[in-house]
Protein backbone atom coordinates (compact mmCIF):
# COMPACT_ATOMS: atom_id res chain seq x y z
CA MET A 1 0.22 0.13 0.06
CA TYR A 2 2.86 2.39 1.09
CA LEU A 3 6.39 2.81 0.06
CA SER A 4 9.32 3.20 2.67
CA PHE A 5 9.06 6.27 4.59
CA TRP A 6 12.29 7.22 3.63
CA ARG A 7 11.67 6.81 -0.08
CA VAL A 8 8.94 9.14 -0.11
CA LEU A 9 10.39 11.62 2.60
CA VAL A 10 11.32 14.46 0.85
CA ALA A 11 10.19 13.40 -2.63
CA VAL A 12 9.42 10.73 -4.80
CA PRO A 13 11.69 10.79 -7.90
CA VAL A 14 11.72 8.35 -10.87
CA LEU A 15 15.40 7.94 -11.77
CA LEU A 16 16.28 8.36 -15.53
CA LEU A 17 15.57 4.98 -17.57
CA SER A 18 19.35 4.80 -18.08
CA ALA A 19 20.30 4.98 -14.65
CA MET A 20 20.66 2.48 -11.75
CA PRO A 21 19.57 -0.41 -14.07
CA LEU A 22 17.37 -3.08 -12.42
CA ALA A 23 18.65 -6.80 -12.70
CA GLN A 24 18.00 -7.74 -16.16
CA PRO A 25 15.12 -10.63 -16.14
CA THR A 26 15.08 -13.44 -18.94
CA MET A 27 12.82 -12.21 -21.67
CA ALA A 28 11.59 -12.48 -25.13
CA ALA A 29 13.14 -9.08 -26.88
CA ASP A 30 10.21 -8.19 -28.88
CA SER A 31 7.50 -8.93 -26.67
CA ALA A 32 9.16 -6.90 -23.94
CA ARG A 33 9.74 -4.13 -25.80
CA TRP A 34 7.13 -0.65 -25.50
CA ILE A 35 6.86 1.15 -28.96
CA VAL A 36 4.87 4.19 -28.88
CA THR A 37 2.63 3.91 -32.08
CA LYS A 38 -0.32 6.07 -31.19
CA PRO A 39 -0.31 10.10 -30.58
CA ALA A 40 -2.81 9.73 -27.99
CA TRP A 41 -5.39 7.77 -26.41
CA SER A 42 -8.37 7.51 -28.54
CA GLU A 43 -12.08 7.11 -27.16
CA THR A 44 -11.93 3.32 -28.07
CA ASP A 45 -8.73 2.85 -26.54
CA GLU A 46 -10.60 4.22 -23.28
CA ALA A 47 -13.33 2.19 -23.65
CA ALA A 48 -11.11 -0.80 -23.74
CA TRP A 49 -9.27 0.46 -20.81
CA ARG A 50 -12.68 0.64 -18.93
CA ASP A 51 -13.09 -3.06 -20.14
CA PHE A 52 -10.23 -4.13 -19.15
CA VAL A 53 -10.14 -2.93 -15.36
CA ALA A 54 -13.46 -4.17 -15.02
CA GLY A 55 -12.52 -7.73 -16.39
CA ILE A 56 -10.09 -7.32 -13.64
CA GLY A 57 -11.99 -6.23 -11.04
CA ALA A 58 -14.61 -9.50 -11.76
CA ALA A 59 -12.14 -12.15 -11.85
CA ASP A 60 -11.59 -14.32 -9.12
CA CYS A 61 -7.89 -13.68 -8.82
CA TRP A 62 -6.03 -12.66 -5.25
CA THR A 63 -2.68 -10.81 -6.38
CA VAL A 64 -2.53 -8.41 -9.49
CA GLN A 65 -0.13 -10.84 -10.78
CA ASP A 66 -2.43 -13.58 -10.77
CA CYS A 67 -5.35 -11.16 -12.10
CA LEU A 68 -3.06 -10.51 -15.36
CA LYS A 69 -2.26 -14.45 -16.06
CA SER A 70 -6.04 -14.92 -15.69
CA ALA A 71 -8.58 -15.14 -18.50
CA ALA A 72 -9.60 -11.74 -17.24
CA ASN A 73 -6.70 -10.44 -19.50
CA PRO A 74 -6.85 -10.62 -23.23
CA TYR A 75 -2.85 -9.50 -23.33
CA ARG A 76 -1.81 -12.74 -21.06
CA PHE A 77 -0.55 -14.52 -23.88
CA THR A 78 1.97 -12.09 -24.96
CA ASP A 79 3.56 -12.03 -21.62
CA LYS A 80 5.57 -15.09 -21.79
CA GLY A 81 9.01 -14.94 -21.08
CA THR A 82 9.22 -11.23 -20.29
CA GLY A 83 9.89 -11.14 -16.75
CA LEU A 84 6.99 -9.07 -15.79
CA TYR A 85 5.47 -10.87 -12.81
CA ASP A 86 8.79 -10.95 -10.80
CA PHE A 87 7.88 -8.20 -8.28
CA LEU A 88 5.56 -6.93 -5.61
CA ILE A 89 2.44 -4.59 -6.51
CA ASP A 90 0.69 -2.67 -3.89
CA CYS A 91 -2.44 -0.16 -3.94
CA ALA A 92 -0.03 3.09 -4.82
CA ASP A 93 1.46 1.01 -7.60
CA ALA A 94 -1.76 -0.80 -9.16
CA PRO A 95 -3.27 1.98 -10.73
CA LEU A 96 -0.84 3.16 -12.60
CA VAL A 97 1.25 -0.13 -13.28
CA LEU A 98 -2.25 -1.57 -14.93
CA ARG A 99 -2.43 1.94 -16.82
CA ALA A 100 0.81 1.26 -17.92
CA TYR A 101 0.69 -2.13 -18.78
CA PHE A 102 -2.42 -1.35 -21.12
CA ALA A 103 -0.78 1.49 -22.60
CA TRP A 104 2.56 -1.02 -23.08
CA LYS A 105 0.17 -3.54 -24.87
CA ASN A 106 -1.64 -1.20 -27.30
CA GLY A 107 1.10 1.07 -28.12
CA LEU A 108 -0.12 4.36 -26.53
CA PRO A 109 2.08 7.29 -24.83
CA PHE A 110 2.43 6.87 -21.24
CA ALA A 111 3.61 9.67 -18.88
CA TRP A 112 3.56 10.32 -15.03
CA GLU A 113 4.12 12.51 -11.94
CA ALA A 114 7.97 11.57 -11.53
CA GLU A 115 8.35 13.75 -8.15
CA VAL A 116 6.40 15.66 -5.84
CA LYS A 117 6.92 17.83 -2.56
CA PRO A 118 4.79 19.17 -0.05
CA LEU A 119 3.01 22.41 0.55
CA ASP A 120 3.10 24.70 3.49
CA GLU A 121 -0.10 26.60 4.56
CA ASP A 122 0.38 29.35 1.99
CA GLY A 123 0.67 27.15 -0.88
CA ASP A 124 4.52 27.43 -1.30
CA VAL A 125 7.09 24.17 -1.90
CA ILE A 126 8.92 22.93 1.03
CA GLU A 127 11.98 22.03 -0.16
CA ASN A 128 13.60 20.08 2.15
CA ALA A 129 10.84 18.80 4.43
CA ARG A 130 12.91 16.51 6.27
CA ASP A 131 10.48 15.75 8.87
CA SER A 132 7.48 15.37 6.45
CA ASP A 133 6.15 12.27 4.79
CA VAL A 134 4.44 13.66 1.50
CA ARG A 135 1.98 10.57 1.59
CA TYR A 136 0.02 12.68 3.93
CA SER A 137 1.21 16.14 3.95
CA PRO A 138 -1.50 18.27 5.58
CA HIS A 139 -1.48 21.02 2.98
CA GLY A 140 -0.71 18.61 -0.27
CA ASN A 141 1.73 18.44 -2.72
CA ALA A 142 3.11 20.05 -5.79
CA ILE A 143 3.85 18.22 -8.77
CA THR A 144 8.02 19.13 -9.38
CA LYS A 145 8.89 16.69 -12.52
CA ARG A 146 7.41 14.24 -14.84
CA ASP A 147 8.58 11.63 -16.73
CA ALA A 148 7.49 9.87 -19.96
CA VAL A 149 7.86 6.41 -21.83
CA PRO A 150 10.57 7.53 -24.21
CA ARG A 151 9.76 7.69 -27.94
CA THR A 152 12.24 5.92 -29.75
CA GLU A 153 12.59 3.54 -32.69
CA SER A 154 13.26 0.63 -30.61
CA GLY A 155 11.22 1.72 -27.57
CA VAL A 156 12.01 0.68 -24.17
CA ASN A 157 11.92 -2.47 -22.11
CA ALA A 158 8.59 -2.43 -20.63
CA PRO A 159 8.75 -4.96 -17.54
CA ARG A 160 11.69 -3.12 -16.26
CA LEU A 161 10.36 0.46 -16.48
CA LEU A 162 6.65 -1.32 -14.63
CA GLN A 163 9.00 -2.60 -11.97
CA ARG A 164 10.80 0.89 -11.50
CA LEU A 165 7.37 2.46 -11.24
CA THR A 166 6.57 0.13 -8.53
CA THR A 167 9.44 1.14 -6.57
CA THR A 168 9.21 4.80 -6.60
CA VAL A 169 5.50 5.81 -7.00
CA SER A 170 3.26 6.38 -4.11
CA THR A 171 -0.24 7.58 -2.93
CA ALA A 172 1.46 11.00 -2.57
CA MET A 173 1.18 11.32 -6.23
CA HIS A 174 -2.70 11.84 -5.97
CA ARG A 175 -2.29 14.31 -2.60
CA TYR A 176 -2.47 17.45 -5.01
CA ASP A 177 -4.84 20.44 -5.40
CA ALA A 178 -7.82 19.55 -7.94
CA ARG A 179 -8.35 23.06 -8.83
CA THR A 180 -4.40 23.67 -10.53
CA TRP A 181 -3.53 23.34 -14.01
CA ASP A 182 0.04 23.73 -15.06
CA PRO A 183 0.91 22.88 -18.93
CA GLU A 184 4.49 21.90 -17.90
CA LEU A 185 3.56 20.36 -14.37
CA PHE A 186 0.16 18.96 -14.76
CA SER A 187 -1.38 16.08 -12.48
CA ASP A 188 -1.74 12.81 -14.29
CA THR A 189 -5.64 12.83 -12.81
CA TYR A 190 -8.38 15.27 -12.60
CA SER A 191 -11.30 15.80 -10.70
CA PRO A 192 -14.62 14.15 -12.47
CA ALA A 193 -18.22 15.27 -12.49
CA LEU A 194 -20.04 12.78 -9.90
CA ASN A 195 -22.44 10.94 -12.84
CA ARG A 196 -22.25 7.70 -14.33
CA GLU A 197 -20.90 8.83 -17.53
CA ALA A 198 -17.86 10.19 -15.28
CA ILE A 199 -17.81 7.57 -12.25
CA ARG A 200 -16.75 4.35 -14.37
CA PRO A 201 -14.33 1.50 -14.67
CA GLY A 202 -10.62 2.53 -14.33
CA THR A 203 -11.72 5.73 -12.35
CA ILE A 204 -9.49 5.98 -8.83
CA ALA A 205 -10.95 6.08 -5.53
CA TYR A 206 -8.14 8.08 -3.73
CA ASP A 207 -8.35 7.81 -0.06
CA SER A 208 -6.46 10.49 1.72
CA ASN A 209 -5.59 8.21 4.68
CA GLY A 210 -2.92 6.34 2.08
CA HIS A 211 -5.16 4.17 0.10
CA ILE A 212 -5.99 3.96 -3.73
CA ALA A 213 -8.44 1.54 -5.17
CA LEU A 214 -9.76 1.19 -8.85
CA VAL A 215 -13.33 1.53 -9.66
CA TRP A 216 -14.41 -1.52 -11.77
CA LYS A 217 -18.12 -1.94 -11.86
CA VAL A 218 -20.86 1.00 -11.03
CA GLU A 219 -24.29 -0.96 -10.33
CA GLN A 220 -27.63 -0.35 -11.23
CA SER A 221 -28.63 0.66 -7.79
CA GLY A 222 -25.60 3.21 -7.57
CA ARG A 223 -23.09 1.37 -5.48
CA ILE A 224 -20.01 1.66 -6.52
CA ARG A 225 -17.25 -1.62 -6.71
CA ILE A 226 -13.72 -0.97 -6.04
CA PHE A 227 -10.49 -3.40 -5.87
CA SER A 228 -7.07 -2.52 -4.42
CA ALA A 229 -3.89 -4.26 -3.83
CA GLN A 230 -2.45 -4.38 -0.56
CA PRO A 231 1.31 -4.48 0.91
CA ASP A 232 1.50 -8.16 0.67
CA ASN A 233 0.65 -8.23 -2.94
CA THR A 234 -3.09 -9.27 -2.25
CA VAL A 235 -6.14 -7.87 -4.19
CA THR A 236 -9.03 -7.06 -1.84
CA ARG A 237 -12.68 -6.23 -3.39
CA GLY A 238 -15.46 -4.13 -1.66
CA PHE A 239 -17.61 -1.50 -2.26
CA LEU A 240 -16.62 2.37 -1.77
CA GLY A 241 -18.22 3.85 1.69
CA HIS A 242 -17.21 5.99 4.39
CA GLU A 243 -13.84 4.55 4.65
CA TYR A 244 -13.08 7.26 1.36
CA ALA A 245 -13.75 10.18 3.61
CA ARG A 246 -14.13 13.75 1.71
CA THR A 247 -11.47 16.04 2.11
CA GLY A 248 -11.06 19.93 0.74
CA PRO A 249 -9.78 19.91 -2.98
CA GLU A 250 -6.09 20.62 -2.23
CA LEU A 251 -5.99 17.06 -0.92
CA GLY A 252 -7.35 15.69 -4.06
CA ALA A 253 -9.97 12.91 -2.62
CA ILE A 254 -12.01 11.08 -3.68
CA PHE A 255 -12.48 10.53 -7.21
CA GLN A 256 -9.90 10.99 -9.83
CA LYS A 257 -9.77 10.02 -13.38
CA TYR A 258 -6.68 9.94 -15.66
CA ARG A 259 -5.90 12.95 -17.89
CA PRO A 260 -5.66 12.46 -21.63
CA ILE A 261 -2.24 12.95 -22.74
CA ARG A 262 -1.03 13.60 -26.48
CA VAL A 263 2.38 13.36 -28.11
CA VAL A 264 2.84 16.29 -29.98
CA GLY A 265 6.14 17.13 -32.53
CA ALA A 266 7.33 13.64 -33.06
CA VAL A 267 7.78 11.92 -36.17
CA ARG A 268 7.04 8.61 -37.42
CA ALA A 269 9.82 5.91 -37.86
CA SER A 270 9.61 3.14 -40.56
CA ASN A 271 8.61 0.95 -38.19
CA GLY A 272 5.59 2.65 -37.20
CA ALA A 273 7.02 3.99 -34.17
CA LEU A 274 6.76 7.52 -32.99
CA VAL A 275 10.10 9.27 -32.32
CA GLY A 276 10.82 12.17 -30.27
CA GLY A 277 8.59 15.34 -29.84
CA HIS A 278 6.99 15.88 -26.14
CA ILE A 279 3.89 15.31 -23.86
CA GLU A 280 1.20 17.40 -23.82
CA GLY A 281 -1.55 17.28 -20.99
CA THR A 282 -5.15 18.32 -21.51
CA PRO A 283 -6.35 21.28 -19.44
CA ASN A 284 -9.28 20.83 -16.88
CA SER A 285 -10.99 23.47 -19.03
CA GLU A 286 -11.26 21.50 -21.66
CA LEU A 287 -12.00 18.28 -20.03
CA PRO A 288 -16.11 18.02 -20.50
CA ASP A 289 -16.45 15.60 -17.15
CA TYR A 290 -13.83 18.26 -15.40
CA SER A 291 -16.17 19.17 -12.00
CA LEU A 292 -15.36 19.97 -8.27
CA GLU A 293 -18.74 18.80 -7.27
CA GLN A 294 -17.41 16.41 -4.73
CA TYR A 295 -16.07 19.30 -2.98
CA THR A 296 -18.67 22.31 -3.82
CA GLY A 297 -21.84 20.03 -3.41
CA ASN A 298 -25.00 20.83 -5.15
CA PRO A 299 -26.15 23.38 -5.07
CA PRO A 300 -22.25 24.22 -5.50
CA THR A 301 -20.75 26.37 -2.88
CA ASP A 302 -17.21 27.74 -2.35
CA PRO A 303 -14.70 24.40 -2.89
CA GLN A 304 -13.03 26.28 0.20
CA ASN A 305 -16.29 25.70 2.33
CA TRP A 306 -16.24 21.89 1.47
CA ARG A 307 -17.04 21.00 5.15
CA ASN A 308 -20.13 23.00 4.91
CA ALA A 309 -21.25 21.66 1.18
CA GLN A 310 -24.85 20.27 1.28
CA TRP A 311 -26.04 17.77 -0.93
CA VAL A 312 -29.77 18.08 -2.58
CA TRP A 313 -31.49 15.48 -4.59
CA TYR A 314 -34.80 16.14 -5.87
CA ASP A 315 -35.52 18.69 -2.98
CA GLU A 316 -34.42 16.23 -0.17
CA THR A 317 -31.01 17.16 1.54
CA MET A 318 -28.71 14.05 1.48
CA ASP A 319 -25.04 13.08 3.30
CA PHE A 320 -22.51 12.96 0.61
CA TYR A 321 -22.89 8.99 0.21
CA THR A 322 -26.37 8.94 -0.16
CA TYR A 323 -26.11 11.49 -2.63
CA LEU A 324 -23.61 9.91 -4.40
CA ARG A 325 -25.47 6.78 -4.59
CA ALA A 326 -28.73 8.36 -6.10
CA LYS A 327 -26.28 10.42 -8.56
CA MET A 328 -24.87 6.90 -9.69
CA SER A 329 -28.34 4.83 -9.79
CA PHE A 330 -30.46 4.35 -12.68
CA GLY A 331 -33.89 5.97 -12.21
CA ASP A 332 -34.73 7.06 -8.54
CA LEU A 333 -32.54 5.87 -5.72
CA THR A 334 -33.93 2.61 -4.58
CA TYR A 335 -33.03 -0.08 -2.11
CA ARG A 336 -33.23 -3.75 -2.47
CA PRO A 337 -32.61 -5.20 1.12
CA LEU A 338 -31.97 -8.50 0.30
CA ASP A 339 -30.25 -8.25 -2.63
CA GLU A 340 -27.65 -5.61 -1.18
CA LEU A 341 -27.59 -7.57 2.32
CA GLN A 342 -26.12 -10.86 0.16
CA SER A 343 -24.00 -8.91 -2.07
CA MET A 344 -22.24 -7.09 0.98
CA THR A 345 -22.10 -10.35 3.11
CA GLN A 346 -20.50 -11.93 0.24
CA SER A 347 -17.86 -9.03 -0.22
CA LEU A 348 -16.98 -9.33 3.07
CA CYS A 349 -16.13 -13.46 2.97
CA ARG A 350 -13.85 -12.10 0.14
CA ASP A 351 -12.11 -9.90 2.02
CA LEU A 352 -12.04 -12.52 4.78
CA HIS A 353 -10.31 -15.04 2.66
CA SER A 354 -8.01 -12.14 1.70
CA ARG A 355 -7.02 -11.29 5.12
CA GLN A 356 -6.43 -15.02 5.60
CA ARG A 357 -3.89 -14.99 2.85
CA SER A 358 -2.24 -11.84 4.24
CA ILE A 359 -1.83 -13.79 7.75
CA VAL A 360 -0.39 -16.81 6.14
CA ALA A 361 2.54 -14.51 3.91
CA ALA A 362 3.38 -13.24 7.47
CA LEU A 363 3.49 -16.89 8.92
CA ASP A 364 5.87 -17.94 5.89
CA GLU A 365 7.86 -15.14 7.00
CA GLY A 366 8.27 -16.19 10.60
CA THR A 367 7.28 -12.91 11.92
CA ASN A 368 5.06 -14.45 14.84
CA LYS A 369 8.36 -16.31 15.99
CA MET A 370 10.54 -12.76 16.05
CA THR A 371 10.86 -10.65 19.33
CA PRO A 372 8.76 -7.37 18.84
CA PRO A 373 10.13 -4.00 18.97
CA GLU A 374 10.02 -1.95 22.51
CA ARG A 375 7.75 0.53 20.68
CA LEU A 376 5.31 0.64 18.03
CA PRO A 377 6.15 2.36 14.53
CA GLU A 378 5.40 6.07 14.87
CA ASN A 379 2.32 5.35 13.07
CA ILE A 380 1.03 1.83 12.67
CA TYR A 381 -0.89 2.65 9.40
CA GLY A 382 2.07 3.76 7.53
CA THR A 383 5.86 2.75 7.97
CA ASP A 384 7.66 0.65 6.61
CA GLY A 385 9.97 -2.85 6.68
CA LEU A 386 8.46 -5.90 8.35
CA TRP A 387 5.85 -3.85 10.07
CA GLU A 388 4.54 -2.42 6.58
CA SER A 389 4.34 -5.80 4.82
CA PHE A 390 3.03 -8.03 7.28
CA SER A 391 0.96 -5.85 9.96
CA THR A 392 -2.90 -5.35 9.21
CA PRO A 393 -3.94 -2.51 11.22
CA ALA A 394 -5.24 -0.59 7.89
CA ARG A 395 -6.57 -3.67 6.73
CA ASP A 396 -8.40 -4.75 9.68
CA ALA A 397 -9.60 -1.06 9.70
CA ARG A 398 -11.26 -1.42 6.84
CA LEU A 399 -12.84 -4.66 7.13
CA LYS A 400 -14.09 -3.31 10.35
CA THR A 401 -15.57 -0.54 8.45
CA SER A 402 -17.28 -2.78 6.18
CA PHE A 403 -18.82 -4.75 9.12
CA LYS A 404 -19.85 -1.54 10.51
CA GLN A 405 -21.35 -0.58 6.82
CA LEU A 406 -23.63 -3.77 7.00
CA TYR A 407 -24.69 -3.24 10.07
CA ASP A 408 -25.63 0.30 9.45
CA ALA A 409 -27.33 -0.87 6.05
CA VAL A 410 -29.61 -3.55 7.87
CA VAL A 411 -30.87 -0.73 10.12
CA LEU A 412 -31.70 1.71 7.73
CA PHE A 413 -33.63 -1.28 5.66
CA VAL A 414 -35.75 -1.81 9.13
CA LYS A 415 -36.42 1.74 9.29
CA LEU A 416 -37.48 2.04 5.91
CA ASP A 417 -39.64 -0.81 5.94
CA LEU A 418 -41.48 0.78 9.23
CA ILE A 419 -42.37 3.55 7.55
CA ASP A 420 -43.21 2.40 4.39
CA ALA A 421 -40.64 4.36 2.59
CA PRO A 422 -41.06 4.24 -1.38
CA ARG A 423 -37.60 4.10 -2.27
CA LEU A 424 -37.44 0.28 -0.35
CA GLU A 425 -38.28 -2.55 -3.12
CA TYR A 426 -39.34 -5.31 -0.77
CA ASP A 427 -42.64 -7.63 -1.38
CA GLY A 428 -42.51 -9.85 1.66
CA GLU A 429 -44.29 -9.67 4.59
CA ASP A 430 -41.34 -9.84 7.26
CA LEU A 431 -38.15 -8.03 6.27
CA PRO A 432 -36.66 -8.65 9.35
CA GLY A 433 -36.91 -12.17 9.17
CA ASP A 434 -36.03 -12.70 5.42
CA MET A 435 -32.52 -10.67 6.37
CA LEU A 436 -32.00 -12.59 9.44
CA SER A 437 -32.45 -15.87 7.49
CA LEU A 438 -30.24 -14.45 4.70
CA TYR A 439 -27.71 -13.42 6.92
CA ASN A 440 -27.42 -16.68 8.68
CA ARG A 441 -27.34 -18.79 5.35
CA GLU A 442 -24.51 -16.65 4.19
CA ALA A 443 -22.55 -16.05 7.21
CA ALA A 444 -22.50 -19.88 7.71
CA SER A 445 -21.34 -20.52 4.21
CA CYS A 446 -18.38 -18.07 4.30
CA LEU A 447 -15.69 -20.23 5.91
CA VAL A 448 -12.33 -19.53 6.90
CA THR A 449 -9.64 -22.05 7.70
CA TYR A 450 -6.31 -20.97 9.70
CA GLU A 451 -3.72 -23.78 10.98
CA ASN A 452 -2.90 -22.85 14.51
CA SER A 453 0.27 -23.24 16.36
CA ALA A 454 0.15 -26.91 17.23
CA GLY A 455 -0.27 -28.05 13.09
CA GLU A 456 -4.03 -28.27 13.45
CA PRO A 457 -7.10 -26.50 11.09
CA VAL A 458 -9.03 -24.19 13.09
CA THR A 459 -12.26 -22.90 10.92
CA LEU A 460 -14.61 -20.12 11.72
CA ASP A 461 -17.55 -18.62 9.86
CA MET A 462 -18.35 -15.24 9.15
CA GLU A 463 -20.41 -14.70 12.42
CA GLN A 464 -17.87 -16.11 14.72
CA VAL A 465 -15.62 -13.37 13.04
CA SER A 466 -17.70 -10.95 13.72
CA ARG A 467 -18.23 -11.78 17.39
CA ARG A 468 -14.50 -11.58 17.42
CA LEU A 469 -13.76 -8.68 14.99
CA PHE A 470 -12.42 -6.36 17.53
CA ARG A 471 -10.09 -9.14 19.27
CA LEU A 472 -7.88 -9.89 15.55
CA SER A 473 -4.88 -8.64 16.01
CA PHE A 474 -3.00 -6.81 13.51
CA ASP A 475 0.51 -7.50 15.13
CA PRO A 476 2.84 -9.76 12.68
CA TYR A 477 4.79 -10.28 15.83
CA GLN A 478 1.96 -12.49 17.63
CA CYS A 479 0.85 -16.01 17.35
CA VAL A 480 -1.43 -16.62 14.50
CA GLU A 481 -4.65 -17.38 17.17
CA ARG A 482 -4.13 -13.83 18.42
CA ARG A 483 -4.38 -12.91 14.62
CA TRP A 484 -7.66 -14.49 14.36
CA GLY A 485 -8.85 -13.17 17.91
CA ALA A 486 -8.92 -16.55 19.92
CA SER A 487 -9.61 -17.12 23.43
CA GLY A 488 -10.34 -19.80 25.83
CA ALA A 489 -9.30 -23.59 24.51
CA GLU A 490 -8.84 -22.24 20.97
CA LEU A 491 -5.67 -19.87 22.18
CA SER A 492 -4.55 -22.57 24.27
CA THR A 493 -2.00 -23.56 21.29
CA CYS A 494 -0.39 -19.83 21.15
CA PRO A 495 3.33 -19.91 22.02
CA ASP A 496 3.46 -16.21 23.35
CA GLY A 497 5.11 -15.38 26.12
CA GLY A 498 4.38 -12.80 29.02
CA ALA A 499 5.71 -9.99 26.86
CA LYS A 500 3.79 -10.79 23.88
CA THR A 501 0.85 -11.31 25.86
CA ARG A 502 1.11 -7.86 27.50
CA TRP A 503 1.51 -6.32 23.95
CA TYR A 504 -1.48 -7.61 22.83
CA GLU A 505 -3.55 -6.90 25.20
CA ALA A 506 -2.05 -3.19 25.49
CA GLU A 507 -3.07 -3.07 21.78
CA GLN A 508 -6.95 -3.60 22.35
CA LYS A 509 -7.81 -0.09 22.41
CA LEU A 510 -6.05 0.41 18.93
CA ARG A 511 -8.10 -2.77 17.75
CA ASN A 512 -11.37 -1.05 19.04
CA GLN A 513 -10.69 1.85 16.48
CA ILE A 514 -12.01 1.86 12.94
CA GLU A 515 -10.92 5.51 11.95
CA ARG A 516 -7.06 5.26 10.63
CA THR A 517 -5.33 8.65 11.81
CA TYR A 518 -1.76 9.27 9.87
CA ASP A 519 -0.78 12.33 11.35
CA VAL A 520 -1.14 11.25 15.05
CA GLY A 521 1.69 9.68 16.81
CA MET A 522 1.71 5.91 18.20
CA GLY A 523 5.21 5.11 18.59
CA TYR A 524 4.51 4.01 22.54
CA THR A 525 5.70 1.12 24.74
CA ALA A 526 3.22 -1.49 26.06
CA ALA A 527 3.04 0.54 29.23
CA GLU A 528 2.45 3.84 27.42
CA LEU A 529 -0.63 2.41 25.66
CA GLU A 530 -1.90 0.94 29.15
CA LYS A 531 -1.81 4.13 30.89
CA GLY A 532 -4.25 5.96 28.08
CA PRO A 533 -5.40 8.40 27.72
CA TRP A 534 -7.85 7.02 24.74
CA GLY A 535 -9.38 8.58 21.81
CA VAL A 536 -8.92 8.73 18.51
CA ARG A 537 -6.31 11.90 18.31
CA THR A 538 -4.34 10.33 21.40
CA GLY A 539 -2.60 7.55 18.95
CA ARG A 540 -3.54 5.03 21.93
CA GLY A 541 -7.21 3.77 20.09
CA VAL A 542 -10.57 4.28 22.18
CA SER A 543 -12.25 2.53 24.87
CA GLU A 544 -15.17 0.98 23.10
CA PRO A 545 -15.43 -0.34 19.65
CA PRO A 546 -18.79 0.00 17.43
CA ASN A 547 -21.48 -2.01 17.12
CA VAL A 548 -21.36 -4.48 14.28
CA ASP A 549 -23.88 -7.17 15.66
CA VAL A 550 -26.15 -7.64 12.69
CA ARG A 551 -27.55 -11.20 13.96
CA ALA A 552 -28.56 -9.50 17.53
CA TYR A 553 -30.19 -6.47 16.07
CA LEU A 554 -32.36 -8.53 13.33
CA GLU A 555 -33.21 -11.23 16.27
CA GLY A 556 -34.41 -8.19 18.31
CA ALA A 557 -36.24 -6.52 15.32
CA VAL A 558 -37.95 -9.91 14.57
CA ARG A 559 -38.95 -9.92 18.21
CA ARG A 560 -40.58 -6.61 17.82
CA TYR A 561 -42.33 -7.37 14.85
CA SER A 562 -43.74 -10.24 15.94
CA ALA A 563 -45.11 -8.22 18.64
CA GLN A 564 -46.18 -5.51 16.68
CA LEU A 565 -47.69 -8.18 14.29
CA ASN A 566 -49.21 -10.51 16.37
CA ILE A 567 -47.11 -13.18 15.02
CA LYS A 568 -47.40 -16.53 17.03
CA PRO A 569 -43.98 -16.96 19.20
CA ASP A 570 -43.30 -20.31 17.71
CA ILE A 571 -43.15 -18.98 13.92
CA ALA A 572 -41.12 -16.01 15.55
CA LYS A 573 -38.81 -18.45 17.12
CA SER A 574 -38.18 -20.40 13.84
CA VAL A 575 -37.41 -17.12 11.93
CA ALA A 576 -34.59 -16.07 14.22
CA THR A 577 -33.08 -19.51 14.21
CA PRO A 578 -30.18 -20.37 12.13
């Protein structure tokens, strides 16, 4: 998800292609060459890019490399012998690498932000920001260098270029002011309008807390499906929600689209390659779907006043996320509670399987057998080294947020049903009972199995994970049982001694927290965590976790419906029982 802190501390330079050569992979010379033959991306190319991303998103694959090897990638047969799969791809890399890969396979031009530097509160570049991490700069970043695929007759070694991108780009490249335009140092992306014509597969979702995903599908109901890569090289899929928080335009969240570029002044070689020339980007003013709506609200206000923006849909004032769904839906905003409950639980199930792979990667590395440091990283959500690669605090926070969103959706559906809201599409007589039955079936069918420290399999279903959700350890130095929140007899095989046990207990308040805070110091010892005080801004976590108990809420709703509708007790009991 992130680069090493020291690689992005002041800037994120992409080295010249002739400098610091990487180890030469074994490859077929012709298939590995990237020769630019087209001066610009046509609408046909952009449509093919959207189809490419949609295919990757829908594929049953768990790493970017596996996705590229799968039937979802129409270009996979041309990759043999290129050495393409010899490097890892995390969240900051994935959108750019996939865009570059597609451009390579289609002879398209490609350029990128090669360096960014943080801005101060007056909008001036901080040249020597030794104490700043540009991934989380509070006032955004300035683009200070750009680079592009060389336009030569022989082209460039594409896999080596893609590998170089993975070692140099970061989420900092997306932390720029959406209002700015510079013809020389322009941003790779721009802020799109909030509608189905603009938010399409291939659109970037930028979380200013240091995460990036790609939109791969917009459902007819308006829900936006996304996928992203992780530091351990796995791919997760889900729905865009509150974890992608709005910011002011100076930080660039949430939506970004790739800016059209074109080669100007090149000559055509005998083999069709474009040689020389330079890259120009399309100004914001010439982009038909450029908009600051996600910052200004609707009706629009001053983007500087983004916190007070309002969202009105057919005379109804909504929060941003409900408004977004309304704008992205076909026709009127409607909820199909059973369909949505099923898709959300299935998405959660995929996230659990992805987390399972992440824990296995940490165990394979042997972090659970290592002695933990005396202090946590300065910030557990964005650091480097073993913690960055094998801990899961950010992943777990998003998982907990998804469980919370499932709970909130269920509560909303019951409330809408009670008032017979027209936007709720449900033809049955007992919505809580039907949702409870569906949830029980889906939760029971979602199984994750881990091998405990004694080498024995332990299988959990989704409901069991839900009940222990805030006990799941994000700490890579702890035993696998604690990584899965075990207690009682299940924990008896954990070999962790007193020091690790103390760390696990001291980190409980951090596990309770679903908000990710990247600008808060967390470099505490176990003793300092134990002392408190607690709160999101303390860096020590929060005292109590939010309620995510879907089953308990629905069982209570079934009982209330039984009383209100005078349903016989034995019928109500059968509805509430798995």
